[in-house]
């Protein structure tokens, strides 16, 4: 009776891709950049009531650009419609 039996289909179905749980430089820089930019703007005298919307709009533009470039046109159209409805109220 063989002792080393290997089932590749069963192993691949339960394993997670190694890239899925790795931290990448763009992900880490994205998390670090917003507080750093907010602190720099606050240090220059910009009121926090203007910093938060500025960073929110900047983040929204970045997300829209990534979705557009990655082919998420339907998703970006839905997001644009949501923003238009939210600003009209």
PDB file of N, CA and C in Angstrom:
ATOM      1  N   UNK A   1       0.841  -1.177   0.000  1.00  0.00           N
ATOM      2  CA  UNK A   1       0.000   0.000   0.000  1.00  0.00           C
ATOM      3  C   UNK A   1       0.893   1.250   0.000  1.00  0.00           C
ATOM      4  N   UNK A   2       0.726   2.163  -0.974  1.00  0.00           N
ATOM      5  CA  UNK A   2       1.554   3.368  -1.001  1.00  0.00           C
ATOM      6  C   UNK A   2       1.193   4.313   0.145  1.00  0.00           C
ATOM      7  N   UNK A   3       2.225   4.933   0.708  1.00  0.00           N
ATOM      8  CA  UNK A   3       2.011   5.826   1.851  1.00  0.00           C
ATOM      9  C   UNK A   3       1.846   7.276   1.438  1.00  0.00           C
ATOM     10  N   UNK A   4       2.447   7.675   0.336  1.00  0.00           N
ATOM     11  CA  UNK A   4       2.372   9.069  -0.102  1.00  0.00           C
ATOM     12  C   UNK A   4       1.394   9.205  -1.253  1.00  0.00           C
ATOM     13  N   UNK A   5       0.143   9.393  -0.934  1.00  0.00           N
ATOM     14  CA  UNK A   5      -0.884   9.583  -1.952  1.00  0.00           C
ATOM     15  C   UNK A   5      -1.150  11.085  -2.045  1.00  0.00           C
ATOM     16  N   UNK A   6      -1.110  11.585  -3.255  1.00  0.00           N
ATOM     17  CA  UNK A   6      -1.279  13.018  -3.468  1.00  0.00           C
ATOM     18  C   UNK A   6      -2.532  13.263  -4.296  1.00  0.00           C
ATOM     19  N   UNK A   7      -3.417  14.111  -3.816  1.00  0.00           N
ATOM     20  CA  UNK A   7      -4.632  14.476  -4.523  1.00  0.00           C
ATOM     21  C   UNK A   7      -4.554  15.951  -4.908  1.00  0.00           C
ATOM     22  N   UNK A   8      -4.054  16.268  -6.096  1.00  0.00           N
ATOM     23  CA  UNK A   8      -3.863  17.680  -6.442  1.00  0.00           C
ATOM     24  C   UNK A   8      -5.166  18.471  -6.557  1.00  0.00           C
ATOM     25  N   UNK A   9      -6.233  17.852  -7.015  1.00  0.00           N
ATOM     26  CA  UNK A   9      -7.493  18.584  -7.174  1.00  0.00           C
ATOM     27  C   UNK A   9      -8.051  18.990  -5.818  1.00  0.00           C
ATOM     28  N   UNK A  10      -7.984  18.104  -4.840  1.00  0.00           N
ATOM     29  CA  UNK A  10      -8.499  18.418  -3.510  1.00  0.00           C
ATOM     30  C   UNK A  10      -7.643  19.475  -2.826  1.00  0.00           C
ATOM     31  N   UNK A  11      -6.342  19.424  -3.023  1.00  0.00           N
ATOM     32  CA  UNK A  11      -5.458  20.397  -2.385  1.00  0.00           C
ATOM     33  C   UNK A  11      -5.646  21.784  -2.984  1.00  0.00           C
ATOM     34  N   UNK A  12      -5.828  21.855  -4.297  1.00  0.00           N
ATOM     35  CA  UNK A  12      -5.978  23.170  -4.917  1.00  0.00           C
ATOM     36  C   UNK A  12      -7.338  23.792  -4.612  1.00  0.00           C
ATOM     37  N   UNK A  13      -8.336  22.989  -4.346  1.00  0.00           N
ATOM     38  CA  UNK A  13      -9.662  23.523  -4.055  1.00  0.00           C
ATOM     39  C   UNK A  13      -9.724  24.156  -2.669  1.00  0.00           C
ATOM     40  N   UNK A  14      -8.897  23.680  -1.745  1.00  0.00           N
ATOM     41  CA  UNK A  14      -8.947  24.210  -0.387  1.00  0.00           C
ATOM     42  C   UNK A  14      -7.874  25.245  -0.112  1.00  0.00           C
ATOM     43  N   UNK A  15      -6.866  25.339  -0.952  1.00  0.00           N
ATOM     44  CA  UNK A  15      -5.791  26.296  -0.680  1.00  0.00           C
ATOM     45  C   UNK A  15      -6.147  27.671  -1.241  1.00  0.00           C
ATOM     46  N   UNK A  16      -5.616  28.694  -0.614  1.00  0.00           N
ATOM     47  CA  UNK A  16      -5.836  30.070  -1.027  1.00  0.00           C
ATOM     48  C   UNK A  16      -4.607  30.519  -1.798  1.00  0.00           C
ATOM     49  N   UNK A  17      -4.834  31.301  -2.826  1.00  0.00           N
ATOM     50  CA  UNK A  17      -3.716  31.806  -3.615  1.00  0.00           C
ATOM     51  C   UNK A  17      -2.808  32.655  -2.722  1.00  0.00           C
ATOM     52  N   UNK A  18      -1.483  32.500  -2.832  1.00  0.00           N
ATOM     53  CA  UNK A  18      -0.596  33.256  -1.957  1.00  0.00           C
ATOM     54  C   UNK A  18      -0.668  34.765  -2.184  1.00  0.00           C
ATOM     55  N   UNK A  19      -1.074  35.212  -3.376  1.00  0.00           N
ATOM     56  CA  UNK A  19      -1.153  36.642  -3.644  1.00  0.00           C
ATOM     57  C   UNK A  19      -2.353  37.287  -2.967  1.00  0.00           C
ATOM     58  N   UNK A  20      -3.347  36.498  -2.611  1.00  0.00           N
ATOM     59  CA  UNK A  20      -4.589  37.063  -2.085  1.00  0.00           C
ATOM     60  C   UNK A  20      -4.421  37.675  -0.695  1.00  0.00           C
ATOM     61  N   UNK A  21      -3.459  37.206   0.078  1.00  0.00           N
ATOM     62  CA  UNK A  21      -3.342  37.702   1.439  1.00  0.00           C
ATOM     63  C   UNK A  21      -2.018  38.417   1.702  1.00  0.00           C
ATOM     64  N   UNK A  22      -1.338  38.834   0.660  1.00  0.00           N
ATOM     65  CA  UNK A  22      -0.081  39.562   0.826  1.00  0.00           C
ATOM     66  C   UNK A  22      -0.323  41.058   0.811  1.00  0.00           C
ATOM     67  N   UNK A  23       0.411  41.760   1.636  1.00  0.00           N
ATOM     68  CA  UNK A  23       0.374  43.221   1.600  1.00  0.00           C
ATOM     69  C   UNK A  23       1.295  43.697   0.488  1.00  0.00           C
ATOM     70  N   UNK A  24       0.795  44.606  -0.307  1.00  0.00           N
ATOM     71  CA  UNK A  24       1.604  45.148  -1.381  1.00  0.00           C
ATOM     72  C   UNK A  24       1.917  46.609  -1.071  1.00  0.00           C
ATOM     73  N   UNK A  25       2.923  47.137  -1.717  1.00  0.00           N
ATOM     74  CA  UNK A  25       3.323  48.516  -1.485  1.00  0.00           C
ATOM     75  C   UNK A  25       2.198  49.512  -1.797  1.00  0.00           C
ATOM     76  N   UNK A  26       1.475  49.376  -2.923  1.00  0.00           N
ATOM     77  CA  UNK A  26       0.379  50.328  -3.162  1.00  0.00           C
ATOM     78  C   UNK A  26      -0.714  50.273  -2.098  1.00  0.00           C
ATOM     79  N   UNK A  27      -1.019  49.093  -1.581  1.00  0.00           N
ATOM     80  CA  UNK A  27      -2.048  48.987  -0.543  1.00  0.00           C
ATOM     81  C   UNK A  27      -1.600  49.674   0.740  1.00  0.00           C
ATOM     82  N   UNK A  28      -0.353  49.472   1.115  1.00  0.00           N
ATOM     83  CA  UNK A  28       0.160  50.080   2.344  1.00  0.00           C
ATOM     84  C   UNK A  28       0.274  51.593   2.184  1.00  0.00           C
ATOM     85  N   UNK A  29       0.770  52.043   1.037  1.00  0.00           N
ATOM     86  CA  UNK A  29       0.898  53.486   0.820  1.00  0.00           C
ATOM     87  C   UNK A  29      -0.459  54.175   0.778  1.00  0.00           C
ATOM     88  N   UNK A  30      -1.467  53.491   0.252  1.00  0.00           N
ATOM     89  CA  UNK A  30      -2.810  54.070   0.242  1.00  0.00           C
ATOM     90  C   UNK A  30      -3.353  54.293   1.632  1.00  0.00           C
ATOM     91  N   UNK A  31      -3.058  53.375   2.541  1.00  0.00           N
ATOM     92  CA  UNK A  31      -3.530  53.509   3.920  1.00  0.00           C
ATOM     93  C   UNK A  31      -2.750  54.601   4.656  1.00  0.00           C
ATOM     94  N   UNK A  32      -1.468  54.727   4.344  1.00  0.00           N
ATOM     95  CA  UNK A  32      -0.626  55.702   5.032  1.00  0.00           C
ATOM     96  C   UNK A  32      -0.818  57.113   4.470  1.00  0.00           C
ATOM     97  N   UNK A  33      -1.091  57.223   3.185  1.00  0.00           N
ATOM     98  CA  UNK A  33      -1.091  58.532   2.519  1.00  0.00           C
ATOM     99  C   UNK A  33      -2.171  59.475   3.038  1.00  0.00           C
ATOM    100  N   UNK A  34      -3.382  58.996   3.258  1.00  0.00           N
ATOM    101  CA  UNK A  34      -4.468  59.897   3.663  1.00  0.00           C
ATOM    102  C   UNK A  34      -4.219  60.582   4.998  1.00  0.00           C
ATOM    103  N   UNK A  35      -3.807  59.861   6.055  1.00  0.00           N
ATOM    104  CA  UNK A  35      -3.523  60.579   7.307  1.00  0.00           C
ATOM    105  C   UNK A  35      -2.334  61.532   7.196  1.00  0.00           C
ATOM    106  N   UNK A  36      -1.338  61.161   6.395  1.00  0.00           N
ATOM    107  CA  UNK A  36      -0.173  62.032   6.224  1.00  0.00           C
ATOM    108  C   UNK A  36      -0.585  63.317   5.498  1.00  0.00           C
ATOM    109  N   UNK A  37      -1.372  63.185   4.440  1.00  0.00           N
ATOM    110  CA  UNK A  37      -1.832  64.370   3.706  1.00  0.00           C
ATOM    111  C   UNK A  37      -2.718  65.238   4.603  1.00  0.00           C
ATOM    112  N   UNK A  38      -3.597  64.602   5.376  1.00  0.00           N
ATOM    113  CA  UNK A  38      -4.469  65.356   6.282  1.00  0.00           C
ATOM    114  C   UNK A  38      -3.649  66.108   7.320  1.00  0.00           C
ATOM    115  N   UNK A  39      -2.622  65.476   7.866  1.00  0.00           N
ATOM    116  CA  UNK A  39      -1.782  66.140   8.861  1.00  0.00           C
ATOM    117  C   UNK A  39      -1.010  67.297   8.241  1.00  0.00           C
ATOM    118  N   UNK A  40      -0.515  67.096   7.020  1.00  0.00           N
ATOM    119  CA  UNK A  40       0.225  68.168   6.347  1.00  0.00           C
ATOM    120  C   UNK A  40      -0.681  69.359   6.057  1.00  0.00           C
ATOM    121  N   UNK A  41      -1.906  69.090   5.613  1.00  0.00           N
ATOM    122  CA  UNK A  41      -2.838  70.182   5.335  1.00  0.00           C
ATOM    123  C   UNK A  41      -3.235  70.905   6.620  1.00  0.00           C
ATOM    124  N   UNK A  42      -3.427  70.147   7.694  1.00  0.00           N
ATOM    125  CA  UNK A  42      -3.774  70.771   8.972  1.00  0.00           C
ATOM    126  C   UNK A  42      -2.618  71.610   9.499  1.00  0.00           C
ATOM    127  N   UNK A  43      -1.395  71.148   9.275  1.00  0.00           N
ATOM    128  CA  UNK A  43      -0.227  71.897   9.738  1.00  0.00           C
ATOM    129  C   UNK A  43      -0.062  73.203   8.969  1.00  0.00           C
ATOM    130  N   UNK A  44      -0.539  73.242   7.728  1.00  0.00           N
ATOM    131  CA  UNK A  44      -0.430  74.475   6.951  1.00  0.00           C
ATOM    132  C   UNK A  44      -1.567  75.446   7.248  1.00  0.00           C
ATOM    133  N   UNK A  45      -2.527  75.034   8.087  1.00  0.00           N
ATOM    134  CA  UNK A  45      -3.580  75.948   8.499  1.00  0.00           C
ATOM    135  C   UNK A  45      -4.925  75.720   7.839  1.00  0.00           C
ATOM    136  N   UNK A  46      -5.060  74.685   7.046  1.00  0.00           N
ATOM    137  CA  UNK A  46      -6.355  74.417   6.409  1.00  0.00           C
ATOM    138  C   UNK A  46      -7.319  73.853   7.456  1.00  0.00           C
ATOM    139  N   UNK A  47      -8.547  74.365   7.516  1.00  0.00           N
ATOM    140  CA  UNK A  47      -9.496  73.855   8.514  1.00  0.00           C
ATOM    141  C   UNK A  47      -9.917  72.414   8.205  1.00  0.00           C
ATOM    142  N   UNK A  48     -10.171  71.667   9.271  1.00  0.00           N
ATOM    143  CA  UNK A  48     -10.526  70.262   9.086  1.00  0.00           C
ATOM    144  C   UNK A  48     -11.853  70.088   8.370  1.00  0.00           C
ATOM    145  N   UNK A  49     -12.708  71.106   8.426  1.00  0.00           N
ATOM    146  CA  UNK A  49     -13.980  71.021   7.711  1.00  0.00           C
ATOM    147  C   UNK A  49     -13.776  71.041   6.195  1.00  0.00           C
ATOM    148  N   UNK A  50     -12.605  71.457   5.737  1.00  0.00           N
ATOM    149  CA  UNK A  50     -12.285  71.425   4.311  1.00  0.00           C
ATOM    150  C   UNK A  50     -11.387  70.248   3.950  1.00  0.00           C
ATOM    151  N   UNK A  51     -10.621  69.734   4.920  1.00  0.00           N
ATOM    152  CA  UNK A  51      -9.694  68.631   4.651  1.00  0.00           C
ATOM    153  C   UNK A  51     -10.448  67.344   4.355  1.00  0.00           C
ATOM    154  N   UNK A  52     -11.439  67.030   5.178  1.00  0.00           N
ATOM    155  CA  UNK A  52     -12.155  65.758   5.026  1.00  0.00           C
ATOM    156  C   UNK A  52     -12.858  65.653   3.667  1.00  0.00           C
ATOM    157  N   UNK A  53     -13.621  66.665   3.233  1.00  0.00           N
ATOM    158  CA  UNK A  53     -14.231  66.546   1.898  1.00  0.00           C
ATOM    159  C   UNK A  53     -13.190  66.478   0.770  1.00  0.00           C
ATOM    160  N   UNK A  54     -12.101  67.229   0.910  1.00  0.00           N
ATOM    161  CA  UNK A  54     -11.060  67.188  -0.116  1.00  0.00           C
ATOM    162  C   UNK A  54     -10.483  65.782  -0.260  1.00  0.00           C
ATOM    163  N   UNK A  55     -10.168  65.150   0.859  1.00  0.00           N
ATOM    164  CA  UNK A  55      -9.623  63.793   0.808  1.00  0.00           C
ATOM    165  C   UNK A  55     -10.669  62.780   0.334  1.00  0.00           C
ATOM    166  N   UNK A  56     -11.928  63.004   0.706  1.00  0.00           N
ATOM    167  CA  UNK A  56     -12.986  62.099   0.247  1.00  0.00           C
ATOM    168  C   UNK A  56     -13.164  62.187  -1.264  1.00  0.00           C
ATOM    169  N   UNK A  57     -13.165  63.405  -1.798  1.00  0.00           N
ATOM    170  CA  UNK A  57     -13.296  63.568  -3.246  1.00  0.00           C
ATOM    171  C   UNK A  57     -12.078  63.005  -3.977  1.00  0.00           C
ATOM    172  N   UNK A  58     -10.899  63.223  -3.411  1.00  0.00           N
ATOM    173  CA  UNK A  58      -9.683  62.688  -4.031  1.00  0.00           C
ATOM    174  C   UNK A  58      -9.708  61.166  -4.061  1.00  0.00           C
ATOM    175  N   UNK A  59     -10.149  60.574  -2.969  1.00  0.00           N
ATOM    176  CA  UNK A  59     -10.254  59.114  -2.910  1.00  0.00           C
ATOM    177  C   UNK A  59     -11.286  58.613  -3.905  1.00  0.00           C
ATOM    178  N   UNK A  60     -12.404  59.308  -4.008  1.00  0.00           N
ATOM    179  CA  UNK A  60     -13.440  58.922  -4.978  1.00  0.00           C
ATOM    180  C   UNK A  60     -12.938  58.971  -6.409  1.00  0.00           C
ATOM    181  N   UNK A  61     -12.172  60.011  -6.723  1.00  0.00           N
ATOM    182  CA  UNK A  61     -11.605  60.116  -8.069  1.00  0.00           C
ATOM    183  C   UNK A  61     -10.626  58.974  -8.318  1.00  0.00           C
ATOM    184  N   UNK A  62      -9.819  58.645  -7.326  1.00  0.00           N
ATOM    185  CA  UNK A  62      -8.881  57.534  -7.469  1.00  0.00           C
ATOM    186  C   UNK A  62      -9.580  56.203  -7.660  1.00  0.00           C
ATOM    187  N   UNK A  63     -10.635  55.963  -6.901  1.00  0.00           N
ATOM    188  CA  UNK A  63     -11.402  54.726  -7.049  1.00  0.00           C
ATOM    189  C   UNK A  63     -12.061  54.667  -8.419  1.00  0.00           C
ATOM    190  N   UNK A  64     -12.607  55.785  -8.860  1.00  0.00           N
ATOM    191  CA  UNK A  64     -13.234  55.826 -10.183  1.00  0.00           C
ATOM    192  C   UNK A  64     -12.221  55.542 -11.286  1.00  0.00           C
ATOM    193  N   UNK A  65     -11.018  56.087 -11.143  1.00  0.00           N
ATOM    194  CA  UNK A  65      -9.983  55.842 -12.149  1.00  0.00           C
ATOM    195  C   UNK A  65      -9.577  54.378 -12.180  1.00  0.00           C
ATOM    196  N   UNK A  66      -9.414  53.776 -11.015  1.00  0.00           N
ATOM    197  CA  UNK A  66      -9.027  52.360 -10.969  1.00  0.00           C
ATOM    198  C   UNK A  66     -10.124  51.488 -11.554  1.00  0.00           C
ATOM    199  N   UNK A  67     -11.372  51.769 -11.211  1.00  0.00           N
ATOM    200  CA  UNK A  67     -12.472  50.968 -11.737  1.00  0.00           C
ATOM    201  C   UNK A  67     -12.608  51.122 -13.248  1.00  0.00           C
ATOM    202  N   UNK A  68     -12.417  52.330 -13.737  1.00  0.00           N
ATOM    203  CA  UNK A  68     -12.515  52.558 -15.174  1.00  0.00           C
ATOM    204  C   UNK A  68     -11.397  51.840 -15.915  1.00  0.00           C
ATOM    205  N   UNK A  69     -10.191  51.949 -15.403  1.00  0.00           N
ATOM    206  CA  UNK A  69      -9.057  51.311 -16.067  1.00  0.00           C
ATOM    207  C   UNK A  69      -9.100  49.785 -15.966  1.00  0.00           C
ATOM    208  N   UNK A  70      -9.748  49.282 -14.928  1.00  0.00           N
ATOM    209  CA  UNK A  70      -9.825  47.817 -14.781  1.00  0.00           C
ATOM    210  C   UNK A  70     -11.033  47.231 -15.495  1.00  0.00           C
ATOM    211  N   UNK A  71     -11.815  48.034 -16.165  1.00  0.00           N
ATOM    212  CA  UNK A  71     -12.930  47.521 -16.943  1.00  0.00           C
ATOM    213  C   UNK A  71     -14.251  47.496 -16.202  1.00  0.00           C
ATOM    214  N   UNK A  72     -14.347  48.135 -15.057  1.00  0.00           N
ATOM    215  CA  UNK A  72     -15.585  48.137 -14.293  1.00  0.00           C
ATOM    216  C   UNK A  72     -16.503  49.259 -14.714  1.00  0.00           C
ATOM    217  N   UNK A  73     -16.813  49.353 -15.991  1.00  0.00           N
ATOM    218  CA  UNK A  73     -17.612  50.478 -16.489  1.00  0.00           C
ATOM    219  C   UNK A  73     -19.032  50.469 -15.949  1.00  0.00           C
ATOM    220  N   UNK A  74     -19.611  49.298 -15.813  1.00  0.00           N
ATOM    221  CA  UNK A  74     -20.975  49.230 -15.301  1.00  0.00           C
ATOM    222  C   UNK A  74     -21.021  49.664 -13.836  1.00  0.00           C
ATOM    223  N   UNK A  75     -20.016  49.246 -13.087  1.00  0.00           N
ATOM    224  CA  UNK A  75     -19.951  49.622 -11.683  1.00  0.00           C
ATOM    225  C   UNK A  75     -19.710  51.119 -11.525  1.00  0.00           C
ATOM    226  N   UNK A  76     -18.849  51.682 -12.352  1.00  0.00           N
ATOM    227  CA  UNK A  76     -18.570  53.116 -12.265  1.00  0.00           C
ATOM    228  C   UNK A  76     -19.785  53.933 -12.695  1.00  0.00           C
ATOM    229  N   UNK A  77     -20.571  53.428 -13.640  1.00  0.00           N
ATOM    230  CA  UNK A  77     -21.788  54.137 -14.037  1.00  0.00           C
ATOM    231  C   UNK A  77     -22.782  54.161 -12.876  1.00  0.00           C
ATOM    232  N   UNK A  78     -22.891  53.063 -12.154  1.00  0.00           N
ATOM    233  CA  UNK A  78     -23.760  53.020 -10.982  1.00  0.00           C
ATOM    234  C   UNK A  78     -23.275  53.945  -9.886  1.00  0.00           C
ATOM    235  N   UNK A  79     -21.961  54.000  -9.691  1.00  0.00           N
ATOM    236  CA  UNK A  79     -21.389  54.898  -8.697  1.00  0.00           C
ATOM    237  C   UNK A  79     -21.618  56.356  -9.082  1.00  0.00           C
ATOM    238  N   UNK A  80     -21.472  56.677 -10.356  1.00  0.00           N
ATOM    239  CA  UNK A  80     -21.709  58.049 -10.817  1.00  0.00           C
ATOM    240  C   UNK A  80     -23.171  58.444 -10.619  1.00  0.00           C
ATOM    241  N   UNK A  81     -24.085  57.533 -10.909  1.00  0.00           N
ATOM    242  CA  UNK A  81     -25.506  57.822 -10.702  1.00  0.00           C
ATOM    243  C   UNK A  81     -25.816  58.040  -9.227  1.00  0.00           C
ATOM    244  N   UNK A  82     -25.167  57.270  -8.368  1.00  0.00           N
ATOM    245  CA  UNK A  82     -25.361  57.432  -6.936  1.00  0.00           C
ATOM    246  C   UNK A  82     -24.845  58.791  -6.459  1.00  0.00           C
ATOM    247  N   UNK A  83     -23.699  59.208  -6.970  1.00  0.00           N
ATOM    248  CA  UNK A  83     -23.136  60.512  -6.582  1.00  0.00           C
ATOM    249  C   UNK A  83     -24.042  61.642  -7.062  1.00  0.00           C
ATOM    250  N   UNK A  84     -24.558  61.524  -8.279  1.00  0.00           N
ATOM    251  CA  UNK A  84     -25.442  62.566  -8.823  1.00  0.00           C
ATOM    252  C   UNK A  84     -26.708  62.668  -7.970  1.00  0.00           C
ATOM    253  N   UNK A  85     -27.286  61.507  -7.624  1.00  0.00           N
ATOM    254  CA  UNK A  85     -28.499  61.536  -6.787  1.00  0.00           C
ATOM    255  C   UNK A  85     -28.206  62.131  -5.418  1.00  0.00           C
ATOM    256  N   UNK A  86     -27.043  61.810  -4.850  1.00  0.00           N
ATOM    257  CA  UNK A  86     -26.705  62.299  -3.512  1.00  0.00           C
ATOM    258  C   UNK A  86     -26.473  63.810  -3.511  1.00  0.00           C
ATOM    259  N   UNK A  87     -25.914  64.329  -4.597  1.00  0.00           N
ATOM    260  CA  UNK A  87     -25.633  65.766  -4.635  1.00  0.00           C
ATOM    261  C   UNK A  87     -26.871  66.583  -4.975  1.00  0.00           C
ATOM    262  N   UNK A  88     -27.896  65.989  -5.535  1.00  0.00           N
ATOM    263  CA  UNK A  88     -29.108  66.721  -5.885  1.00  0.00           C
ATOM    264  C   UNK A  88     -30.042  66.887  -4.700  1.00  0.00           C
ATOM    265  N   UNK A  89     -29.817  66.187  -3.628  1.00  0.00           N
ATOM    266  CA  UNK A  89     -30.719  66.276  -2.472  1.00  0.00           C
ATOM    267  C   UNK A  89     -30.417  67.440  -1.608  1.00  0.00           C
TER     268      UNK A  89
END
